[in-house]
N, C-alpha and C. Protein backbone atom coordinates (compact mmCIF):
# COMPACT_ATOMS: atom_id res chain seq x y z
N MET A 1 81.04 96.82 103.00
CA MET A 1 82.32 96.33 102.21
C MET A 1 81.87 96.24 100.90
N THR A 2 82.38 97.04 99.92
CA THR A 2 81.96 97.28 98.65
C THR A 2 82.48 95.69 97.58
N GLY A 3 81.74 95.63 96.59
CA GLY A 3 81.92 94.38 95.68
C GLY A 3 83.65 94.10 95.24
N LEU A 4 84.24 95.48 95.14
CA LEU A 4 85.57 95.33 94.91
C LEU A 4 86.35 94.99 96.21
N GLU A 5 86.18 95.37 97.12
CA GLU A 5 86.90 95.00 98.33
C GLU A 5 86.40 93.42 98.82
N LYS A 6 85.28 92.76 98.57
CA LYS A 6 85.20 91.65 98.66
C LYS A 6 85.71 90.72 97.87
N ARG A 7 86.08 91.24 96.51
CA ARG A 7 86.79 90.23 96.11
C ARG A 7 88.45 90.28 96.20
N LEU A 8 88.92 91.31 96.49
CA LEU A 8 90.30 91.81 96.64
C LEU A 8 90.31 90.99 98.09
N ILE A 9 89.78 90.63 99.11
CA ILE A 9 89.72 90.17 100.36
C ILE A 9 89.62 88.87 99.98
N SER A 10 89.13 88.25 98.90
CA SER A 10 88.73 86.78 99.10
C SER A 10 90.57 86.17 97.90
N LEU A 11 90.96 87.54 97.19
CA LEU A 11 92.06 87.13 96.74
C LEU A 11 93.17 87.02 97.71
N ILE A 12 93.19 87.65 98.80
CA ILE A 12 94.14 87.67 99.48
C ILE A 12 94.07 86.92 100.41
N LEU A 13 93.06 86.22 100.76
CA LEU A 13 92.65 84.90 101.47
C LEU A 13 93.14 83.92 101.06
N ASP A 14 93.06 83.84 99.44
CA ASP A 14 93.36 82.38 98.77
C ASP A 14 94.98 82.43 98.94
N ALA A 15 95.65 83.65 98.82
CA ALA A 15 96.98 83.88 99.10
C ALA A 15 97.25 83.33 100.41
N ASP A 16 96.78 83.31 101.44
CA ASP A 16 96.99 83.46 102.53
C ASP A 16 96.56 81.83 102.83
N LYS A 17 95.79 81.44 102.52
CA LYS A 17 95.46 80.32 102.48
C LYS A 17 96.65 79.26 101.70
N LYS A 18 97.32 79.82 100.91
CA LYS A 18 98.09 78.90 99.60
C LYS A 18 99.23 79.09 100.41
N TRP A 19 99.57 80.49 100.78
CA TRP A 19 101.16 80.33 101.45
C TRP A 19 101.32 80.86 102.95
N ASP A 20 100.22 80.84 104.01
CA ASP A 20 100.31 81.12 105.04
C ASP A 20 101.18 82.94 105.49
N LEU A 21 100.83 83.51 104.91
CA LEU A 21 101.01 85.11 104.90
C LEU A 21 100.65 85.62 106.26
N LEU A 22 99.42 85.54 106.56
CA LEU A 22 98.74 86.31 107.77
C LEU A 22 98.60 85.99 109.17
N PRO A 23 99.25 85.41 109.68
CA PRO A 23 98.77 85.07 111.33
C PRO A 23 98.12 85.81 112.08
N GLU A 24 96.77 85.52 112.56
CA GLU A 24 96.07 86.13 113.41
C GLU A 24 96.51 86.45 114.44
N LYS A 25 97.78 85.98 115.19
CA LYS A 25 98.08 86.24 116.10
C LYS A 25 99.56 86.78 116.46
N GLU A 26 99.94 87.43 115.35
CA GLU A 26 101.17 88.76 115.36
C GLU A 26 100.77 89.14 114.87
N THR A 27 101.70 90.63 115.16
CA THR A 27 101.54 91.86 114.88
C THR A 27 102.25 92.31 113.27
N LEU A 28 101.62 92.70 112.18
CA LEU A 28 102.34 92.64 110.97
C LEU A 28 102.83 94.25 110.70
N LEU A 29 104.44 94.41 110.64
CA LEU A 29 104.68 95.25 110.15
C LEU A 29 104.34 95.47 108.79
N ILE A 30 103.37 96.62 108.44
CA ILE A 30 103.18 96.99 106.70
C ILE A 30 103.99 98.30 106.42
N GLY A 31 104.72 97.98 105.24
CA GLY A 31 105.57 99.46 104.70
C GLY A 31 104.52 100.09 104.04
N ILE A 32 104.47 101.16 104.29
CA ILE A 32 103.40 102.10 103.29
C ILE A 32 104.21 103.18 102.71
N SER A 33 104.28 103.12 101.40
CA SER A 33 104.93 104.27 100.41
C SER A 33 104.18 105.29 100.47
N GLY A 34 102.64 105.10 100.28
CA GLY A 34 101.55 106.32 99.68
C GLY A 34 101.37 106.08 98.27
N GLY A 35 101.75 105.29 97.96
CA GLY A 35 101.38 105.17 96.69
C GLY A 35 99.49 103.83 96.37
N LYS A 36 99.48 103.84 95.60
CA LYS A 36 97.95 103.03 95.36
C LYS A 36 98.53 101.84 96.14
N ASP A 37 98.85 100.86 95.79
CA ASP A 37 99.15 99.38 96.12
C ASP A 37 99.51 99.44 97.60
N SER A 38 100.35 100.24 98.07
CA SER A 38 100.43 99.83 99.83
C SER A 38 99.10 100.94 100.52
N LEU A 39 98.30 101.67 99.74
CA LEU A 39 97.19 102.27 100.27
C LEU A 39 96.00 100.90 100.08
N SER A 40 96.23 100.38 99.15
CA SER A 40 95.11 99.38 99.13
C SER A 40 95.47 98.24 100.07
N LEU A 41 96.63 98.29 100.45
CA LEU A 41 97.23 96.83 101.30
C LEU A 41 96.76 96.83 102.73
N LEU A 42 96.63 98.32 103.33
CA LEU A 42 96.53 98.99 104.30
C LEU A 42 95.14 98.92 104.67
N HIS A 43 94.23 99.17 103.41
CA HIS A 43 92.71 99.08 103.73
C HIS A 43 92.30 97.86 103.31
N LEU A 44 92.38 97.13 103.32
CA LEU A 44 92.32 95.70 102.88
C LEU A 44 92.50 94.94 104.21
N LEU A 45 93.94 94.96 104.75
CA LEU A 45 94.30 94.27 106.05
C LEU A 45 93.19 94.85 107.05
N LYS A 46 92.95 96.16 106.68
CA LYS A 46 91.74 96.83 108.07
C LYS A 46 91.16 95.89 108.60
N LEU A 47 90.25 95.56 107.23
CA LEU A 47 89.46 94.44 107.10
C LEU A 47 89.01 93.33 107.71
N LEU A 48 90.25 93.06 107.84
CA LEU A 48 90.67 91.68 108.43
C LEU A 48 90.89 91.16 109.90
N PRO A 49 91.00 90.32 110.61
CA PRO A 49 91.06 90.52 111.73
C PRO A 49 92.43 89.81 112.38
N ILE A 50 93.14 90.97 111.75
CA ILE A 50 95.05 90.73 112.19
C ILE A 50 94.89 92.12 112.91
N ARG A 51 96.45 92.15 113.58
CA ARG A 51 96.66 93.22 113.99
C ARG A 51 98.06 93.75 112.94
N ILE A 52 97.99 94.71 112.96
CA ILE A 52 99.03 95.62 112.04
C ILE A 52 99.65 96.59 112.90
N HIS A 53 100.60 97.06 112.11
CA HIS A 53 101.17 98.37 112.61
C HIS A 53 101.86 98.57 111.06
N PRO A 54 101.24 100.07 110.66
CA PRO A 54 101.81 100.49 109.67
C PRO A 54 103.08 101.59 109.60
N VAL A 55 103.89 101.66 109.00
CA VAL A 55 104.86 103.04 109.04
C VAL A 55 105.36 102.94 107.56
N HIS A 56 105.88 104.25 107.77
CA HIS A 56 106.06 104.95 106.52
C HIS A 56 107.47 105.57 106.39
N ILE A 57 108.58 105.32 105.82
CA ILE A 57 109.73 105.97 105.60
C ILE A 57 109.75 107.19 104.75
N ARG A 58 109.88 108.31 105.39
CA ARG A 58 110.37 109.24 104.78
C ARG A 58 111.59 109.45 104.50
N LEU A 59 112.16 109.36 103.12
CA LEU A 59 113.27 109.42 102.44
C LEU A 59 114.13 110.41 102.54
N ASP A 60 113.95 111.63 103.05
CA ASP A 60 114.40 112.66 103.48
C ASP A 60 113.29 114.29 104.37
N GLN A 61 113.90 115.07 104.36
CA GLN A 61 113.27 115.77 105.06
C GLN A 61 112.35 116.82 104.06
N ASP A 62 112.82 116.75 102.47
CA ASP A 62 111.86 117.35 101.86
C ASP A 62 110.94 116.45 101.06
N HIS A 63 110.42 115.02 101.62
CA HIS A 63 109.94 114.33 100.71
C HIS A 63 108.67 114.48 101.55
N ASP A 64 107.47 114.61 100.60
CA ASP A 64 105.96 115.06 101.12
C ASP A 64 105.29 113.65 101.16
N ILE A 65 104.82 113.95 102.78
CA ILE A 65 103.93 113.02 103.25
C ILE A 65 102.86 113.80 103.67
N SER A 66 102.25 114.42 102.85
CA SER A 66 100.84 115.33 103.55
C SER A 66 99.72 113.95 102.75
N PHE A 67 100.16 112.94 102.39
CA PHE A 67 99.22 111.93 101.90
C PHE A 67 98.89 111.31 102.90
N ILE A 68 99.03 111.48 104.11
CA ILE A 68 99.27 111.04 105.54
C ILE A 68 97.40 111.67 105.90
N ASP A 69 98.09 112.75 106.22
CA ASP A 69 96.67 113.70 106.65
C ASP A 69 95.42 114.23 105.72
N LYS A 70 96.05 113.98 104.48
CA LYS A 70 95.09 114.23 103.15
C LYS A 70 93.96 113.12 103.66
N ASN A 71 94.22 111.37 103.74
CA ASN A 71 93.91 110.44 103.90
C ASN A 71 93.62 110.06 105.02
N ASN A 72 93.53 110.70 106.35
CA ASN A 72 93.59 110.38 107.72
C ASN A 72 93.93 109.02 108.02
N LEU A 73 95.45 109.01 107.82
CA LEU A 73 95.98 107.90 108.17
C LEU A 73 96.71 108.26 109.43
N GLN A 74 96.45 106.80 110.78
CA GLN A 74 96.98 106.40 111.50
C GLN A 74 98.45 105.91 111.07
N ILE A 75 99.54 106.42 110.69
CA ILE A 75 100.74 105.67 109.98
C ILE A 75 102.39 106.11 111.28
N GLU A 76 102.98 105.77 111.33
CA GLU A 76 104.17 106.06 111.88
C GLU A 76 104.95 106.17 110.90
N VAL A 77 105.83 107.63 111.25
CA VAL A 77 106.66 107.83 110.37
C VAL A 77 108.28 107.62 110.98
N LEU A 78 108.88 107.00 109.82
CA LEU A 78 110.12 106.71 110.10
C LEU A 78 111.11 108.06 109.26
N HIS A 79 111.82 108.61 110.23
CA HIS A 79 112.63 109.60 109.15
C HIS A 79 114.15 108.81 109.04
N SER A 80 114.53 109.43 107.79
CA SER A 80 115.70 108.74 107.19
C SER A 80 116.39 109.90 106.10
N ASP A 81 117.70 109.40 105.39
CA ASP A 81 118.17 110.49 104.66
C ASP A 81 118.26 109.44 103.41
N ILE A 82 117.87 108.44 103.29
CA ILE A 82 117.99 107.26 102.05
C ILE A 82 118.12 108.04 101.29
N TYR A 83 117.22 109.12 100.57
CA TYR A 83 117.17 109.45 98.97
C TYR A 83 118.46 110.14 98.92
N SER A 84 119.09 110.95 99.67
CA SER A 84 120.47 111.51 99.82
C SER A 84 121.74 111.03 99.39
N GLN A 85 121.35 109.53 100.42
CA GLN A 85 122.72 108.61 100.12
C GLN A 85 122.40 108.08 98.96
N SER A 86 121.33 107.19 98.66
CA SER A 86 121.25 106.76 96.97
C SER A 86 121.68 107.68 96.01
N ARG A 87 121.33 108.76 96.21
CA ARG A 87 121.62 109.60 95.14
C ARG A 87 123.30 110.02 94.96
N ALA A 88 123.67 110.11 96.11
CA ALA A 88 125.18 110.21 96.31
C ALA A 88 126.02 109.02 95.79
N SER A 89 125.86 107.94 95.83
CA SER A 89 126.35 106.97 95.37
C SER A 89 127.11 107.05 94.49
N LYS A 90 128.42 106.45 94.48
CA LYS A 90 129.52 106.58 92.98
C LYS A 90 128.71 105.32 92.28
N ASN A 91 127.71 104.62 92.47
CA ASN A 91 127.51 103.72 91.15
C ASN A 91 125.62 104.35 90.56
N ARG A 92 125.79 105.44 90.07
CA ARG A 92 124.74 105.93 89.71
C ARG A 92 123.55 105.26 89.44
N LEU A 93 123.96 103.75 88.39
CA LEU A 93 123.22 103.08 87.60
C LEU A 93 122.08 102.58 88.36
N HIS A 94 122.64 102.32 89.84
CA HIS A 94 121.94 101.28 91.07
C HIS A 94 121.12 101.99 92.45
N THR A 95 120.84 103.22 91.47
CA THR A 95 120.22 104.40 92.72
C THR A 95 119.25 103.61 93.22
N CYS A 96 118.04 102.94 91.99
CA CYS A 96 116.90 102.69 92.85
C CYS A 96 116.99 101.29 93.67
N PHE A 97 118.52 100.10 93.43
CA PHE A 97 118.63 99.35 94.28
C PHE A 97 118.79 99.52 95.55
N ILE A 98 119.79 100.68 95.87
CA ILE A 98 120.63 100.89 97.08
C ILE A 98 119.38 101.52 97.77
N CYS A 99 118.76 102.36 97.02
CA CYS A 99 117.10 103.30 97.85
C CYS A 99 116.23 101.82 98.72
N SER A 100 116.08 100.82 97.42
CA SER A 100 115.10 99.62 97.74
C SER A 100 115.49 98.95 99.18
N ARG A 101 116.96 98.79 98.92
CA ARG A 101 117.92 98.13 99.65
C ARG A 101 117.90 98.86 101.23
N GLN A 102 118.07 99.74 101.20
CA GLN A 102 118.24 100.49 102.85
C GLN A 102 116.63 100.81 103.05
N ARG A 103 115.53 100.66 102.02
CA ARG A 103 114.22 101.14 102.80
C ARG A 103 113.98 99.66 103.42
N ARG A 104 114.27 98.69 103.13
CA ARG A 104 114.29 97.40 103.62
C ARG A 104 114.95 96.97 104.58
N LYS A 105 116.09 97.73 104.84
CA LYS A 105 116.87 97.53 105.87
C LYS A 105 116.42 98.23 107.15
N LEU A 106 116.11 99.34 106.88
CA LEU A 106 115.21 99.99 107.91
C LEU A 106 114.12 99.59 108.53
N LEU A 107 113.54 98.99 107.84
CA LEU A 107 111.84 98.10 108.02
C LEU A 107 112.32 96.97 108.96
N ILE A 108 113.72 96.23 108.38
CA ILE A 108 113.97 95.41 109.38
C ILE A 108 114.57 95.64 111.05
N GLU A 109 115.25 96.46 110.61
CA GLU A 109 115.56 97.20 111.86
C GLU A 109 114.53 97.38 112.49
N TYR A 110 113.17 98.24 112.19
CA TYR A 110 112.59 98.88 113.25
C TYR A 110 112.06 97.66 113.67
N ALA A 111 111.26 96.72 112.74
CA ALA A 111 110.71 95.12 113.12
C ALA A 111 111.33 94.72 114.17
N ALA A 112 112.79 94.71 114.43
CA ALA A 112 113.57 94.01 115.53
C ALA A 112 113.61 94.79 116.52
N ALA A 113 113.50 96.26 116.16
CA ALA A 113 113.47 97.11 117.70
C ALA A 113 112.22 96.42 118.25
N HIS A 114 110.98 96.23 117.78
CA HIS A 114 109.46 96.20 118.51
C HIS A 114 108.78 94.77 118.33
N ASN A 115 110.05 93.51 117.99
CA ASN A 115 109.58 92.34 118.57
C ASN A 115 108.48 92.09 117.46
N ILE A 116 108.96 92.41 115.98
CA ILE A 116 108.03 92.01 114.82
C ILE A 116 108.56 90.80 114.21
N ARG A 117 107.94 89.86 113.45
CA ARG A 117 108.78 88.97 112.26
C ARG A 117 108.36 89.01 111.07
N LYS A 118 106.93 89.63 110.87
CA LYS A 118 106.61 89.94 109.61
C LYS A 118 106.60 90.98 109.12
N ILE A 119 106.99 91.41 107.54
CA ILE A 119 106.91 92.74 107.21
C ILE A 119 106.15 92.39 105.83
N VAL A 120 104.95 93.37 105.45
CA VAL A 120 104.19 93.40 104.46
C VAL A 120 104.62 94.08 103.77
N LEU A 121 104.46 93.39 102.31
CA LEU A 121 104.52 94.58 101.61
C LEU A 121 103.65 94.31 100.40
N GLY A 122 103.44 95.78 99.27
CA GLY A 122 102.23 95.45 98.56
C GLY A 122 102.46 95.58 97.04
N HIS A 123 103.23 94.35 97.04
CA HIS A 123 103.55 94.05 95.48
C HIS A 123 102.15 93.07 94.94
N HIS A 124 101.92 93.10 94.00
CA HIS A 124 100.99 93.00 93.17
C HIS A 124 101.63 92.11 92.25
N ARG A 125 100.53 91.24 91.37
CA ARG A 125 101.04 90.35 90.28
C ARG A 125 101.80 90.88 89.55
N GLU A 126 101.45 91.75 88.90
CA GLU A 126 102.41 92.51 87.74
C GLU A 126 104.11 92.86 88.21
N ASP A 127 103.59 93.44 89.80
CA ASP A 127 105.05 93.35 90.32
C ASP A 127 106.26 92.18 90.12
N VAL A 128 105.22 90.79 90.18
CA VAL A 128 105.57 89.92 90.08
C VAL A 128 106.55 89.26 88.80
N THR A 129 105.73 89.59 88.37
CA THR A 129 105.88 89.59 86.33
C THR A 129 107.14 90.67 85.60
N GLU A 130 107.04 91.67 86.38
CA GLU A 130 108.12 92.52 86.22
C GLU A 130 109.23 92.30 86.79
N THR A 131 109.34 91.90 87.85
CA THR A 131 110.95 91.44 88.49
C THR A 131 111.50 90.14 87.48
N LEU A 132 109.98 89.61 87.30
CA LEU A 132 110.80 88.28 86.42
C LEU A 132 111.92 88.97 85.41
N LEU A 133 110.91 89.48 84.52
CA LEU A 133 111.46 89.92 83.31
C LEU A 133 112.85 90.95 83.35
N LEU A 134 112.80 91.41 84.32
CA LEU A 134 113.99 92.62 84.80
C LEU A 134 115.72 91.61 85.50
N ASN A 135 115.14 90.57 86.19
CA ASN A 135 116.24 89.51 86.45
C ASN A 135 116.47 88.77 85.44
N MET A 136 115.51 88.68 84.42
CA MET A 136 115.92 87.85 83.08
C MET A 136 116.75 88.70 82.33
N PHE A 137 116.28 90.03 82.09
CA PHE A 137 117.30 90.82 81.51
C PHE A 137 118.84 91.33 81.35
N TYR A 138 118.34 91.60 83.31
CA TYR A 138 119.81 91.95 83.38
C TYR A 138 120.55 91.47 84.40
N SER A 139 120.16 90.34 84.88
CA SER A 139 120.77 89.37 85.78
C SER A 139 120.86 88.02 85.12
N ARG A 140 120.27 88.11 84.21
CA ARG A 140 120.81 86.49 83.39
C ARG A 140 120.19 85.50 84.67
N GLU A 141 119.20 85.97 85.47
CA GLU A 141 118.54 84.65 86.11
C GLU A 141 117.31 84.77 86.18
N VAL A 142 116.98 83.54 86.54
CA VAL A 142 115.40 83.12 86.71
C VAL A 142 114.51 83.13 87.79
N SER A 143 114.40 84.14 88.40
CA SER A 143 113.91 84.44 89.81
C SER A 143 113.14 85.93 89.66
N THR A 144 112.23 85.67 90.68
CA THR A 144 111.19 86.91 90.73
C THR A 144 110.85 87.06 92.66
N LEU A 145 110.22 87.78 92.81
CA LEU A 145 108.97 88.33 94.15
C LEU A 145 108.75 87.08 94.71
N GLN A 146 108.65 86.87 95.76
CA GLN A 146 108.24 85.44 96.51
C GLN A 146 106.96 85.82 97.33
N PRO A 147 105.70 85.35 97.36
CA PRO A 147 104.55 85.42 98.15
C PRO A 147 105.31 85.62 99.60
N LYS A 148 106.15 85.07 99.94
CA LYS A 148 107.06 84.72 101.30
C LYS A 148 108.24 84.42 101.06
N GLN A 149 108.91 85.47 101.79
CA GLN A 149 110.42 85.26 101.65
C GLN A 149 111.01 85.56 103.08
N PRO A 150 111.61 84.13 103.65
CA PRO A 150 112.39 84.45 104.38
C PRO A 150 113.83 84.92 104.51
N LEU A 151 113.94 86.21 106.01
CA LEU A 151 115.08 86.83 105.73
C LEU A 151 115.60 86.14 106.99
N PHE A 152 117.26 86.26 106.84
CA PHE A 152 118.34 86.01 108.40
C PHE A 152 117.70 84.61 108.70
N LYS A 153 117.52 83.42 108.21
CA LYS A 153 117.37 82.44 108.51
C LYS A 153 115.98 81.83 109.38
N GLY A 154 115.19 82.70 108.51
CA GLY A 154 113.61 82.46 108.80
C GLY A 154 113.22 83.48 110.31
N GLU A 155 114.06 84.21 110.40
CA GLU A 155 114.13 85.17 111.72
C GLU A 155 112.83 85.95 111.81
N TYR A 156 113.06 86.73 110.46
CA TYR A 156 112.09 87.79 109.61
C TYR A 156 111.31 86.99 108.43
N GLU A 157 110.28 87.72 108.08
CA GLU A 157 109.80 87.56 107.01
C GLU A 157 109.33 88.70 106.04
N ILE A 158 109.37 88.26 104.78
CA ILE A 158 108.60 89.66 103.79
C ILE A 158 107.23 89.15 103.57
N VAL A 159 106.42 89.20 103.82
CA VAL A 159 104.63 88.62 102.66
C VAL A 159 104.49 89.39 101.86
N ARG A 160 103.84 88.52 100.80
CA ARG A 160 103.30 89.76 100.03
C ARG A 160 101.48 89.37 99.78
N PRO A 161 100.63 89.81 100.69
CA PRO A 161 98.98 89.69 100.22
C PRO A 161 98.93 89.92 99.44
N LEU A 162 99.04 90.81 98.64
CA LEU A 162 98.86 91.24 97.35
C LEU A 162 98.80 90.69 95.81
N TYR A 163 100.14 89.37 96.73
CA TYR A 163 100.64 88.89 95.09
C TYR A 163 99.74 88.23 93.81
N LEU A 164 98.31 87.96 94.11
CA LEU A 164 97.41 87.00 93.23
C LEU A 164 96.11 88.21 92.68
N ILE A 165 96.24 89.37 93.01
CA ILE A 165 96.03 90.95 92.75
C ILE A 165 96.45 91.41 91.64
N PRO A 166 95.59 91.46 90.28
CA PRO A 166 95.95 91.94 89.27
C PRO A 166 96.18 93.73 89.49
N GLU A 167 96.82 94.68 89.00
CA GLU A 167 96.98 96.28 89.23
C GLU A 167 96.18 96.62 89.19
N LYS A 168 95.24 96.31 88.09
CA LYS A 168 94.32 97.38 87.94
C LYS A 168 93.10 97.10 88.50
N PHE A 169 92.85 96.07 89.97
CA PHE A 169 92.01 96.13 90.62
C PHE A 169 92.24 97.21 91.53
N LEU A 170 93.45 97.06 91.95
CA LEU A 170 93.90 98.50 92.98
C LEU A 170 93.97 99.61 92.33
N VAL A 171 94.06 100.17 91.01
CA VAL A 171 93.88 101.08 90.60
C VAL A 171 92.49 101.57 90.95
N SER A 172 91.46 100.46 90.42
CA SER A 172 90.12 100.75 90.80
C SER A 172 89.55 101.02 92.53
N LEU A 173 90.27 100.79 93.12
CA LEU A 173 90.30 100.51 94.48
C LEU A 173 90.08 102.03 94.79
N ALA A 174 91.37 102.53 94.65
CA ALA A 174 91.84 103.43 94.71
C ALA A 174 91.16 104.76 94.38
N LYS A 175 90.84 104.66 92.95
CA LYS A 175 89.76 105.36 92.65
C LYS A 175 87.77 105.44 93.42
N GLU A 176 87.63 104.15 93.47
CA GLU A 176 86.54 104.09 94.82
C GLU A 176 86.46 104.88 96.02
N GLN A 177 87.65 104.77 96.34
CA GLN A 177 88.14 105.59 97.78
C GLN A 177 88.66 106.59 97.77
N LYS A 178 89.07 107.18 96.52
CA LYS A 178 89.16 108.56 96.05
C LYS A 178 90.33 109.02 97.05
N TRP A 179 91.82 107.98 97.13
CA TRP A 179 92.70 108.55 98.05
C TRP A 179 93.69 109.51 97.33
N VAL A 180 94.34 110.06 98.21
CA VAL A 180 95.22 111.02 97.89
C VAL A 180 96.37 110.01 97.77
N ILE A 181 97.00 110.05 96.36
CA ILE A 181 98.32 109.15 96.15
C ILE A 181 99.31 110.21 96.28
N SER A 182 100.51 109.53 96.91
CA SER A 182 101.96 110.26 97.06
C SER A 182 102.75 110.28 95.80
N LYS A 183 103.23 111.56 95.36
CA LYS A 183 103.91 111.39 94.15
C LYS A 183 105.16 110.94 94.30
N PRO A 184 105.99 110.04 93.63
CA PRO A 184 107.10 109.15 93.73
C PRO A 184 108.03 110.32 93.85
N GLN A 185 108.79 110.27 94.59
CA GLN A 185 110.37 111.33 94.86
C GLN A 185 110.97 110.96 93.41
N CYS A 186 111.05 109.81 93.41
CA CYS A 186 112.32 109.49 92.24
C CYS A 186 111.96 110.31 90.95
């Protein structure tokens, strides 16, 4: 294990201790986009004694998923037409919101079908800050991503183990590991 990996694992364990994010006896569904954040999340969680089930949502049939083979990953691919649905929306100003919501819905449906309670996402410290600012400017509310977010009265939870990790560390890890990063479709 590299020094950077040890540092990042330490920050994940700090977040886990503070918010109880990663129970050892549960299988965790990990949403993998193919970006540096989710690839870092997958890589780091594989170093811990937990059960994980990584999935990638293919946004439409033209969505390039070659990052999976190029990085030699074992990830289940869920096929969808979310990208074309969100682009066809009458409210084009909120395309990203619609796409994000649809992806989360698909993850929850998958989790329900496989009896998994926790969905793990790769949001890092800067995502938390950015969400706070976006919510303040556009929604006129003071709110942001939470490290542990209950859904449907606690039936499911979204957890964010990278919550304390600065993005620059994930950039360094991606370079260190020489990952092929998926290009955003949007």
